[in-house]
Amino acid sequence: MASASVAKEEKNKLTLYSYWRSSCSFRVRIALNLKGLKYDYKPVNLLKGEQSSPEFLQLNPVGCVPVLVDGHAVLYDSLAIILYLEDKYPHNPLLPHDIPKRTINFQAASVVSSTIQPLHNLSLLNYIGEKVGPDEKLRWAQSTIRRGFTALEKLLKDHTGRYATGDEVYLADIFLAPQLHAAFKRFNIQMNEFPILSRLHETYNEIPAFQEALPENQPDAVH
């Protein structure tokens, strides 16, 4: 009977295809940790082009990470994955019941996932480096991040508590933490003009679920 239970647990275990430095993957790792869900980590090396291999494109025709496999379900896009986890595993909710607060969470997540991150992802920065010049890559990323952070400061100023929208961790925090980490670690953003986001960044670094999801703590991390 014990063997059958172990076999069932392994069969139902989630699998996450991830790249250590991908902020989209970072979001999903945080969500999985907050939900207390165990998962197998499958590294996909974006620098080596593994996301374009025929095997990976069978999982995600878009050719990017993250990809989550849950039994027969194969999901890509970080927001879709997180909302799937919220629906299927409703314990430790990632969205508040209060409708206005839910709306702020979705807006903050949208600013990160639509206005900031896509405009400084690896493929776009490489394109800018090739077509314009390598020195322009950092300037472009910094400009994009500052513009988005300015909007987030205004969005959150009347809603923050300990976290982005109060005293519980929700969707906005899951999207903000990876973007803030990248701003500090990769893009050398001067954060003195963003006091709310700076404080949130310090707070996120104290949460075990966020710490375990950090890029440098992943098995494929390059230090």
Protein backbone atom coordinates (compact mmCIF):
# COMPACT_ATOMS: atom_id res chain seq x y z
CA MET A 1 0.00 0.00 0.00
CA ALA A 2 2.85 2.37 0.82
CA SER A 3 4.47 1.69 -2.55
CA ALA A 4 1.22 2.53 -4.32
CA SER A 5 1.02 5.83 -2.43
CA VAL A 6 4.57 6.74 -3.40
CA ALA A 7 3.89 5.86 -7.03
CA LYS A 8 0.75 7.99 -7.04
CA GLU A 9 2.62 10.94 -5.50
CA GLU A 10 5.36 10.73 -8.15
CA LYS A 11 2.79 10.45 -10.93
CA ASN A 12 1.00 13.57 -9.73
CA LYS A 13 4.14 15.60 -9.16
CA LEU A 14 4.36 18.84 -11.09
CA THR A 15 7.19 19.49 -13.54
CA LEU A 16 8.49 23.00 -14.21
CA TYR A 17 10.65 23.77 -17.24
CA SER A 18 12.59 26.83 -16.19
CA TYR A 19 15.68 28.93 -16.75
CA TRP A 20 17.34 30.26 -13.63
CA ARG A 21 17.47 33.88 -14.81
CA SER A 22 14.04 34.02 -16.41
CA SER A 23 11.83 36.40 -14.42
CA CYS A 24 8.74 34.70 -15.85
CA SER A 25 9.95 31.38 -14.45
CA PHE A 26 10.84 33.15 -11.19
CA ARG A 27 7.16 34.17 -10.81
CA VAL A 28 5.96 30.61 -11.16
CA ARG A 29 8.56 29.30 -8.72
CA ILE A 30 7.32 31.81 -6.13
CA ALA A 31 3.70 30.78 -6.70
CA LEU A 32 4.53 27.07 -6.37
CA ASN A 33 6.44 27.74 -3.17
CA LEU A 34 3.64 29.85 -1.68
CA LYS A 35 1.19 27.06 -2.46
CA GLY A 36 3.56 24.52 -0.90
CA LEU A 37 3.57 22.45 -4.09
CA LYS A 38 6.50 20.16 -4.83
CA TYR A 39 7.78 20.02 -8.37
CA ASP A 40 10.54 18.62 -10.53
CA TYR A 41 12.82 21.29 -11.97
CA LYS A 42 13.80 20.83 -15.62
CA PRO A 43 16.38 23.42 -16.74
CA VAL A 44 16.14 24.92 -20.22
CA ASN A 45 19.29 26.81 -21.19
CA LEU A 46 18.13 29.85 -23.15
CA LEU A 47 21.68 30.91 -24.00
CA LYS A 48 22.26 27.57 -25.74
CA GLY A 49 18.94 27.80 -27.59
CA GLU A 50 17.39 24.76 -25.92
CA GLN A 51 14.01 26.54 -25.99
CA SER A 52 14.07 26.15 -29.78
CA SER A 53 14.70 22.40 -29.84
CA PRO A 54 12.01 20.24 -31.45
CA GLU A 55 11.43 18.46 -28.14
CA PHE A 56 10.77 21.68 -26.25
CA LEU A 57 8.63 23.16 -29.02
CA GLN A 58 6.35 20.15 -28.64
CA LEU A 59 5.66 21.43 -25.12
CA ASN A 60 5.55 25.13 -25.95
CA PRO A 61 5.28 26.17 -29.60
CA VAL A 62 6.13 29.74 -28.59
CA GLY A 63 9.59 28.54 -27.54
CA CYS A 64 9.96 30.17 -24.13
CA VAL A 65 9.91 29.34 -20.45
CA PRO A 66 8.24 28.64 -18.11
CA VAL A 67 6.27 25.52 -18.97
CA LEU A 68 4.36 23.65 -16.28
CA VAL A 69 3.30 20.04 -16.75
CA ASP A 70 0.59 18.75 -14.40
CA GLY A 71 -0.43 15.28 -15.50
CA HIS A 72 -1.95 15.68 -18.95
CA ALA A 73 -2.08 19.47 -18.65
CA VAL A 74 0.75 21.40 -20.31
CA LEU A 75 0.70 25.13 -19.64
CA TYR A 76 2.87 28.02 -20.73
CA ASP A 77 2.75 31.75 -19.96
CA SER A 78 3.42 32.62 -16.33
CA LEU A 79 0.08 34.32 -15.67
CA ALA A 80 -1.89 31.43 -17.14
CA ILE A 81 0.13 28.98 -15.03
CA ILE A 82 -0.36 30.96 -11.82
CA LEU A 83 -4.11 31.32 -12.38
CA TYR A 84 -4.30 27.58 -13.10
CA LEU A 85 -2.52 26.86 -9.82
CA GLU A 86 -4.90 29.22 -8.03
CA ASP A 87 -7.94 27.40 -9.43
CA LYS A 88 -6.70 23.85 -8.96
CA TYR A 89 -4.91 24.34 -5.65
CA PRO A 90 -7.02 26.97 -3.83
CA HIS A 91 -5.20 26.70 -0.50
CA ASN A 92 -2.93 29.66 0.32
CA PRO A 93 -4.81 31.95 -2.11
CA LEU A 94 -2.84 34.23 -4.40
CA LEU A 95 -5.74 36.61 -5.04
CA PRO A 96 -7.84 38.53 -2.50
CA HIS A 97 -11.64 38.18 -2.43
CA ASP A 98 -12.08 41.97 -2.34
CA ILE A 99 -12.82 43.01 -5.93
CA PRO A 100 -11.05 46.43 -5.91
CA LYS A 101 -7.98 44.83 -4.36
CA ARG A 102 -8.06 42.02 -6.95
CA THR A 103 -8.16 44.68 -9.66
CA ILE A 104 -5.05 46.40 -8.30
CA ASN A 105 -3.29 43.05 -8.24
CA PHE A 106 -4.16 42.37 -11.87
CA GLN A 107 -3.11 45.89 -12.87
CA ALA A 108 0.27 45.59 -11.15
CA ALA A 109 0.86 42.19 -12.71
CA SER A 110 -0.09 43.59 -16.11
CA VAL A 111 2.32 46.54 -15.84
CA VAL A 112 5.16 44.10 -15.14
CA SER A 113 4.20 41.44 -17.68
CA SER A 114 3.09 43.75 -20.51
CA THR A 115 4.82 47.12 -20.07
CA ILE A 116 8.19 46.23 -18.53
CA GLN A 117 9.48 42.67 -18.88
CA PRO A 118 8.74 41.98 -22.58
CA LEU A 119 10.61 45.15 -23.54
CA HIS A 120 13.86 43.99 -21.98
CA ASN A 121 13.76 40.24 -22.52
CA LEU A 122 16.78 38.41 -23.87
CA SER A 123 15.73 38.20 -27.52
CA LEU A 124 14.83 41.89 -27.75
CA LEU A 125 18.03 43.06 -26.05
CA ASN A 126 20.08 40.86 -28.37
CA TYR A 127 18.25 42.37 -31.35
CA ILE A 128 18.95 45.90 -30.12
CA GLY A 129 22.58 45.00 -29.59
CA GLU A 130 22.88 43.72 -33.15
CA LYS A 131 20.90 46.45 -34.93
CA VAL A 132 21.77 49.52 -32.84
CA GLY A 133 24.85 48.68 -30.78
CA PRO A 134 25.78 46.81 -27.59
CA ASP A 135 25.93 50.00 -25.51
CA GLU A 136 22.27 50.69 -26.21
CA LYS A 137 21.04 47.45 -24.60
CA LEU A 138 21.44 48.64 -21.02
CA ARG A 139 20.14 52.14 -21.72
CA TRP A 140 17.03 50.71 -23.35
CA ALA A 141 16.38 48.29 -20.47
CA GLN A 142 16.86 51.00 -17.85
CA SER A 143 14.51 53.38 -19.64
CA THR A 144 11.83 50.69 -19.93
CA ILE A 145 12.11 49.68 -16.27
CA ARG A 146 12.07 53.26 -14.97
CA ARG A 147 8.95 54.07 -16.96
CA GLY A 148 7.16 51.01 -15.59
CA PHE A 149 8.36 51.60 -12.03
CA THR A 150 7.07 55.17 -12.16
CA ALA A 151 3.63 53.84 -13.07
CA LEU A 152 3.77 51.19 -10.32
CA GLU A 153 4.68 53.74 -7.66
CA LYS A 154 1.58 55.74 -8.57
CA LEU A 155 -0.63 52.65 -8.77
CA LEU A 156 0.38 51.26 -5.37
CA LYS A 157 0.79 54.41 -3.27
CA ASP A 158 -2.68 54.19 -1.68
CA HIS A 159 -2.80 50.40 -1.41
CA THR A 160 0.39 49.08 0.14
CA GLY A 161 0.68 47.56 3.56
CA ARG A 162 3.48 45.23 4.43
CA TYR A 163 3.16 43.98 0.84
CA ALA A 164 1.98 45.52 -2.42
CA THR A 165 -1.77 45.52 -1.72
CA GLY A 166 -1.98 45.04 2.03
CA ASP A 167 -0.60 42.68 4.64
CA GLU A 168 -0.93 39.46 2.64
CA VAL A 169 1.19 38.27 -0.27
CA TYR A 170 -0.80 38.23 -3.50
CA LEU A 171 -0.39 38.16 -7.27
CA ALA A 172 1.10 41.66 -7.48
CA ASP A 173 3.95 40.64 -5.19
CA ILE A 174 4.64 37.52 -7.25
CA PHE A 175 5.13 39.69 -10.34
CA LEU A 176 6.92 42.55 -8.63
CA ALA A 177 9.59 40.53 -6.82
CA PRO A 178 11.33 39.11 -9.93
CA GLN A 179 11.21 42.47 -11.71
CA LEU A 180 12.71 44.24 -8.71
CA HIS A 181 15.39 41.59 -8.38
CA ALA A 182 16.35 42.09 -12.03
CA ALA A 183 16.39 45.87 -11.60
CA PHE A 184 18.83 45.60 -8.69
CA LYS A 185 20.98 42.70 -9.86
CA ARG A 186 21.08 42.99 -13.64
CA PHE A 187 20.17 46.50 -14.76
CA ASN A 188 21.69 48.76 -12.10
CA ILE A 189 18.55 50.82 -11.55
CA GLN A 190 18.94 53.65 -9.04
CA MET A 191 15.99 52.99 -6.75
CA ASN A 192 16.00 56.14 -4.60
CA GLU A 193 13.17 57.58 -6.74
CA PHE A 194 11.03 54.49 -6.08
CA PRO A 195 10.63 54.29 -2.29
CA ILE A 196 7.61 51.99 -2.28
CA LEU A 197 9.22 49.46 -4.60
CA SER A 198 12.52 49.64 -2.72
CA ARG A 199 10.78 48.81 0.56
CA LEU A 200 8.86 45.95 -1.04
CA HIS A 201 12.09 44.54 -2.46
CA GLU A 202 13.60 44.39 1.02
CA THR A 203 10.46 42.75 2.38
CA TYR A 204 10.38 40.08 -0.33
CA ASN A 205 13.96 39.11 0.49
CA GLU A 206 12.77 38.09 3.97
CA ILE A 207 10.14 35.58 2.76
CA PRO A 208 11.35 31.94 2.47
CA ALA A 209 9.09 31.19 -0.52
CA PHE A 210 10.70 34.10 -2.38
CA GLN A 211 14.24 33.29 -1.21
CA GLU A 212 13.98 29.69 -2.45
CA ALA A 213 12.79 30.94 -5.84
CA LEU A 214 15.70 33.35 -6.36
CA PRO A 215 17.64 32.82 -9.59
CA GLU A 216 20.91 32.22 -7.78
CA ASN A 217 19.31 29.40 -5.76
CA GLN A 218 18.27 27.34 -8.79
CA PRO A 219 20.12 24.16 -9.82
CA ASP A 220 21.10 25.59 -13.20
CA ALA A 221 22.34 28.93 -11.82
CA VAL A 222 25.66 30.23 -13.11
CA HIS A 223 27.52 32.28 -10.51
